Amino acid sequence: MDKRNHPLLIHCNHGKHRTGTVVACMRISHRWHRSRALDEYARFSHPKERKADISFINEFIAAVPA
């Protein structure tokens, strides 16, 4: 990401699931450990994480070079 474009606002209808998915993928692209990104997603999507979101995040992890 181009830091000249910061701050960055990411938001969806409730700011939990879709936003959390995008933020988790962004965190991973910034070299966060996958468990840390998934934990953050789970914390902010509480009380109900969505399996489709977690699957998407895991697919993103698999696609990003280590």
N, C-alpha and C. Protein backbone atom coordinates (compact mmCIF):
# COMPACT_ATOMS: atom_id res chain seq x y z
N MET A 1 0.83 -1.18 0.00
CA MET A 1 0.00 0.00 0.00
C MET A 1 0.88 1.24 0.00
N ASP A 2 0.38 2.23 -0.65
CA ASP A 2 1.08 3.50 -0.74
C ASP A 2 0.74 4.34 0.50
N LYS A 3 1.72 4.54 1.36
CA LYS A 3 1.47 5.26 2.62
C LYS A 3 1.09 6.72 2.41
N ARG A 4 1.28 7.22 1.20
CA ARG A 4 0.84 8.60 0.93
C ARG A 4 -0.68 8.69 0.93
N ASN A 5 -1.34 7.55 0.82
CA ASN A 5 -2.81 7.51 0.80
C ASN A 5 -3.40 7.25 2.18
N HIS A 6 -2.59 7.29 3.22
CA HIS A 6 -3.08 7.05 4.58
C HIS A 6 -3.61 8.34 5.18
N PRO A 7 -4.54 8.29 6.10
CA PRO A 7 -5.11 7.09 6.69
C PRO A 7 -6.06 6.39 5.74
N LEU A 8 -6.30 5.13 6.03
CA LEU A 8 -7.14 4.28 5.21
C LEU A 8 -8.41 3.93 5.99
N LEU A 9 -9.56 4.10 5.37
CA LEU A 9 -10.83 3.75 5.99
C LEU A 9 -11.41 2.55 5.26
N ILE A 10 -11.70 1.51 6.01
CA ILE A 10 -12.33 0.31 5.46
C ILE A 10 -13.61 0.11 6.25
N HIS A 11 -14.74 0.02 5.56
CA HIS A 11 -15.99 -0.13 6.29
C HIS A 11 -17.02 -0.83 5.42
N CYS A 12 -17.89 -1.59 6.07
CA CYS A 12 -19.04 -2.21 5.41
C CYS A 12 -20.28 -1.82 6.21
N ASN A 13 -21.35 -2.55 6.03
CA ASN A 13 -22.61 -2.20 6.68
C ASN A 13 -22.50 -2.11 8.20
N HIS A 14 -21.92 -3.13 8.82
CA HIS A 14 -21.79 -3.13 10.28
C HIS A 14 -20.35 -3.01 10.76
N GLY A 15 -19.40 -3.04 9.84
CA GLY A 15 -18.00 -2.89 10.22
C GLY A 15 -17.42 -4.08 10.94
N LYS A 16 -17.96 -5.28 10.68
CA LYS A 16 -17.49 -6.47 11.38
C LYS A 16 -16.96 -7.54 10.43
N HIS A 17 -17.83 -8.11 9.64
CA HIS A 17 -17.46 -9.29 8.87
C HIS A 17 -16.68 -8.97 7.60
N ARG A 18 -17.27 -8.25 6.68
CA ARG A 18 -16.53 -7.91 5.45
C ARG A 18 -15.34 -7.02 5.77
N THR A 19 -15.55 -6.06 6.64
CA THR A 19 -14.44 -5.20 7.05
C THR A 19 -13.34 -6.03 7.70
N GLY A 20 -13.72 -6.91 8.59
CA GLY A 20 -12.75 -7.76 9.28
C GLY A 20 -11.98 -8.66 8.33
N THR A 21 -12.66 -9.15 7.31
CA THR A 21 -12.01 -9.99 6.31
C THR A 21 -10.95 -9.20 5.55
N VAL A 22 -11.32 -8.01 5.10
CA VAL A 22 -10.37 -7.16 4.37
C VAL A 22 -9.20 -6.77 5.26
N VAL A 23 -9.48 -6.41 6.49
CA VAL A 23 -8.41 -6.01 7.41
C VAL A 23 -7.49 -7.19 7.71
N ALA A 24 -8.05 -8.38 7.91
CA ALA A 24 -7.21 -9.56 8.16
C ALA A 24 -6.28 -9.82 6.98
N CYS A 25 -6.80 -9.71 5.77
CA CYS A 25 -5.96 -9.91 4.58
C CYS A 25 -4.89 -8.83 4.48
N MET A 26 -5.26 -7.60 4.82
CA MET A 26 -4.27 -6.52 4.82
C MET A 26 -3.19 -6.79 5.86
N ARG A 27 -3.59 -7.23 7.04
CA ARG A 27 -2.61 -7.55 8.09
C ARG A 27 -1.64 -8.63 7.60
N ILE A 28 -2.18 -9.66 6.97
CA ILE A 28 -1.34 -10.75 6.48
C ILE A 28 -0.37 -10.24 5.41
N SER A 29 -0.85 -9.37 4.55
CA SER A 29 0.05 -8.81 3.52
C SER A 29 1.12 -7.93 4.14
N HIS A 30 0.88 -7.46 5.37
CA HIS A 30 1.88 -6.68 6.12
C HIS A 30 2.69 -7.56 7.05
N ARG A 31 2.68 -8.86 6.78
CA ARG A 31 3.52 -9.85 7.48
C ARG A 31 3.08 -10.19 8.90
N TRP A 32 1.81 -9.94 9.22
CA TRP A 32 1.32 -10.43 10.50
C TRP A 32 1.26 -11.95 10.42
N HIS A 33 1.44 -12.64 11.54
CA HIS A 33 1.27 -14.08 11.58
C HIS A 33 -0.21 -14.39 11.38
N ARG A 34 -0.49 -15.48 10.66
CA ARG A 34 -1.89 -15.80 10.33
C ARG A 34 -2.76 -15.94 11.58
N SER A 35 -2.22 -16.55 12.64
CA SER A 35 -3.04 -16.74 13.85
C SER A 35 -3.39 -15.40 14.49
N ARG A 36 -2.48 -14.45 14.43
CA ARG A 36 -2.75 -13.12 14.99
C ARG A 36 -3.85 -12.41 14.19
N ALA A 37 -3.78 -12.50 12.86
CA ALA A 37 -4.81 -11.88 12.02
C ALA A 37 -6.17 -12.55 12.22
N LEU A 38 -6.17 -13.88 12.30
CA LEU A 38 -7.43 -14.60 12.52
C LEU A 38 -8.00 -14.32 13.91
N ASP A 39 -7.14 -14.20 14.91
CA ASP A 39 -7.60 -13.86 16.26
C ASP A 39 -8.25 -12.48 16.29
N GLU A 40 -7.63 -11.52 15.58
CA GLU A 40 -8.21 -10.18 15.53
C GLU A 40 -9.56 -10.21 14.83
N TYR A 41 -9.66 -10.95 13.72
CA TYR A 41 -10.95 -11.08 13.03
C TYR A 41 -12.00 -11.65 14.00
N ALA A 42 -11.65 -12.73 14.71
CA ALA A 42 -12.60 -13.37 15.63
C ALA A 42 -13.02 -12.42 16.74
N ARG A 43 -12.09 -11.64 17.25
CA ARG A 43 -12.41 -10.72 18.35
C ARG A 43 -13.42 -9.66 17.92
N PHE A 44 -13.25 -9.12 16.71
CA PHE A 44 -14.13 -8.03 16.28
C PHE A 44 -15.39 -8.52 15.56
N SER A 45 -15.43 -9.78 15.15
CA SER A 45 -16.65 -10.30 14.52
C SER A 45 -17.56 -10.96 15.56
N HIS A 46 -17.11 -10.98 16.79
CA HIS A 46 -17.87 -11.58 17.88
C HIS A 46 -19.28 -11.00 17.94
N PRO A 47 -20.30 -11.75 18.20
CA PRO A 47 -20.29 -13.10 18.74
C PRO A 47 -20.34 -14.19 17.68
N LYS A 48 -20.30 -13.84 16.40
CA LYS A 48 -20.47 -14.88 15.38
C LYS A 48 -19.49 -14.67 14.23
N GLU A 49 -18.44 -15.49 14.19
CA GLU A 49 -17.55 -15.46 13.04
C GLU A 49 -18.25 -16.18 11.89
N ARG A 50 -17.98 -15.76 10.67
CA ARG A 50 -18.60 -16.42 9.52
C ARG A 50 -17.58 -17.34 8.87
N LYS A 51 -18.00 -18.60 8.66
CA LYS A 51 -17.11 -19.61 8.08
C LYS A 51 -16.60 -19.19 6.70
N ALA A 52 -17.45 -18.55 5.91
CA ALA A 52 -17.04 -18.12 4.57
C ALA A 52 -15.92 -17.08 4.65
N ASP A 53 -15.99 -16.20 5.64
CA ASP A 53 -14.94 -15.19 5.81
C ASP A 53 -13.62 -15.85 6.21
N ILE A 54 -13.68 -16.78 7.15
CA ILE A 54 -12.47 -17.47 7.59
C ILE A 54 -11.88 -18.28 6.44
N SER A 55 -12.73 -18.91 5.64
CA SER A 55 -12.25 -19.64 4.47
C SER A 55 -11.55 -18.71 3.49
N PHE A 56 -12.14 -17.53 3.26
CA PHE A 56 -11.53 -16.56 2.35
C PHE A 56 -10.16 -16.12 2.88
N ILE A 57 -10.09 -15.83 4.17
CA ILE A 57 -8.81 -15.41 4.76
C ILE A 57 -7.77 -16.52 4.60
N ASN A 58 -8.16 -17.76 4.85
CA ASN A 58 -7.23 -18.88 4.69
C ASN A 58 -6.79 -19.05 3.24
N GLU A 59 -7.68 -18.84 2.30
CA GLU A 59 -7.31 -18.90 0.88
C GLU A 59 -6.34 -17.77 0.54
N PHE A 60 -6.57 -16.60 1.11
CA PHE A 60 -5.66 -15.48 0.90
C PHE A 60 -4.27 -15.81 1.44
N ILE A 61 -4.23 -16.39 2.64
CA ILE A 61 -2.96 -16.79 3.25
C ILE A 61 -2.21 -17.74 2.32
N ALA A 62 -2.92 -18.71 1.76
CA ALA A 62 -2.28 -19.69 0.88
C ALA A 62 -1.76 -19.04 -0.40
N ALA A 63 -2.39 -17.96 -0.83
CA ALA A 63 -2.01 -17.32 -2.10
C ALA A 63 -0.89 -16.30 -1.95
N VAL A 64 -0.66 -15.82 -0.72
CA VAL A 64 0.36 -14.78 -0.50
C VAL A 64 1.72 -15.44 -0.32
N PRO A 65 2.72 -14.97 -1.06
CA PRO A 65 4.06 -15.55 -0.88
C PRO A 65 4.57 -15.31 0.54
N ALA A 66 5.23 -16.30 1.07
CA ALA A 66 5.75 -16.20 2.45
C ALA A 66 6.95 -15.28 2.53
